[in-house]
Protein backbone atom coordinates (compact mmCIF):
# COMPACT_ATOMS: atom_id res chain seq x y z
CA MET A 1 -123.21 26.87 -24.58
CA GLY A 2 -124.55 24.74 -21.94
CA GLU A 3 -122.28 21.63 -20.65
CA ASP A 4 -124.75 19.07 -22.04
CA ALA A 5 -124.62 20.57 -25.22
CA GLU A 6 -120.78 20.09 -25.11
CA ASP A 7 -121.16 16.66 -24.17
CA SER A 8 -123.21 15.55 -27.38
CA ARG A 9 -120.62 16.84 -29.61
CA PRO A 10 -118.44 14.26 -31.57
CA GLY A 11 -114.65 13.89 -30.60
CA LEU A 12 -112.50 14.18 -27.50
CA ALA A 13 -113.65 16.55 -24.89
CA VAL A 14 -111.32 16.94 -21.60
CA THR A 15 -113.40 18.36 -18.61
CA THR A 16 -111.62 19.46 -15.30
CA VAL A 17 -112.95 17.40 -12.25
CA PRO A 18 -111.64 17.68 -8.53
CA ALA A 19 -109.33 14.19 -9.14
CA GLY A 20 -107.85 15.69 -12.26
CA VAL A 21 -109.20 15.78 -15.56
CA LEU A 22 -111.90 13.57 -17.49
CA VAL A 23 -111.52 12.58 -21.11
CA ARG A 24 -114.47 11.35 -23.16
CA TRP A 25 -114.68 10.11 -26.72
CA THR A 26 -117.58 10.47 -28.71
CA ALA A 27 -118.25 9.24 -32.37
CA SER A 28 -119.50 11.32 -34.81
CA ASP A 29 -122.44 9.79 -36.87
CA GLY A 30 -120.42 9.51 -39.84
CA PHE A 31 -117.61 7.72 -38.00
CA ALA A 32 -120.23 5.47 -36.25
CA SER A 33 -121.71 4.70 -39.97
CA LEU A 34 -118.61 3.46 -41.19
CA ALA A 35 -117.75 1.40 -38.20
CA LYS A 36 -121.33 -0.21 -38.54
CA ASP A 37 -120.07 -1.17 -42.13
CA GLN A 38 -116.98 -2.99 -40.99
CA PRO A 39 -117.33 -6.59 -40.35
CA GLY A 40 -116.69 -7.27 -36.50
CA ALA A 41 -116.80 -3.62 -35.62
CA SER A 42 -119.13 -1.99 -33.55
CA GLY A 43 -119.56 1.38 -32.00
CA ASP A 44 -118.67 0.05 -28.95
CA SER A 45 -115.58 -1.89 -29.91
CA MET A 46 -114.51 1.23 -31.83
CA LYS A 47 -114.85 3.28 -28.68
CA VAL A 48 -112.62 0.86 -26.69
CA ILE A 49 -109.71 1.17 -29.29
CA VAL A 50 -109.88 4.94 -29.16
CA GLN A 51 -110.13 4.54 -25.31
CA ALA A 52 -106.94 2.13 -25.43
CA ALA A 53 -104.99 4.31 -27.88
CA VAL A 54 -105.52 7.46 -25.74
CA SER A 55 -104.94 5.83 -22.53
CA GLY A 56 -101.89 4.46 -23.81
CA LEU A 57 -100.56 7.30 -24.80
CA LEU A 58 -101.13 9.32 -21.79
CA VAL A 59 -99.46 6.53 -19.56
CA GLN A 60 -96.29 6.42 -21.86
CA LEU A 61 -96.25 10.66 -21.27
CA GLY A 62 -96.18 9.67 -17.42
CA HIS A 63 -99.84 10.10 -16.51
CA THR A 64 -101.91 7.86 -14.23
CA VAL A 65 -105.05 7.07 -15.77
CA ARG A 66 -108.16 5.40 -14.33
CA GLU A 67 -111.40 4.24 -15.75
CA PRO A 68 -113.99 5.47 -13.65
CA GLU A 69 -116.68 3.11 -12.11
CA ASP A 70 -119.34 4.19 -14.80
CA GLY A 71 -116.86 3.28 -17.48
CA GLY A 72 -116.67 4.68 -21.03
CA ASP A 73 -114.42 7.71 -20.09
CA LEU A 74 -110.91 8.19 -18.75
CA LEU A 75 -109.82 10.01 -15.55
CA VAL A 76 -106.42 11.15 -15.99
CA LEU A 77 -105.29 11.75 -12.21
CA ALA A 78 -103.80 15.08 -11.20
CA ASP A 79 -100.14 15.02 -9.84
CA GLY A 80 -99.74 14.71 -5.83
């Protein structure tokens, strides 16, 4: 299975990059559909909530987390 196929799967994905690891979250169709039906919620707002929760947890565990310039994903920097 190619890397592009992996990127389209829903859920959290962690990919090793030279600076550390990249954490990406993709909503499933079912989750996106549920979010769409909630007042004031959108797929983008749900992604922001998940990103904030994951980022907060990683920071609490002592990791350095950055949002790359292209946005949407989290970059967890390698120690060093």
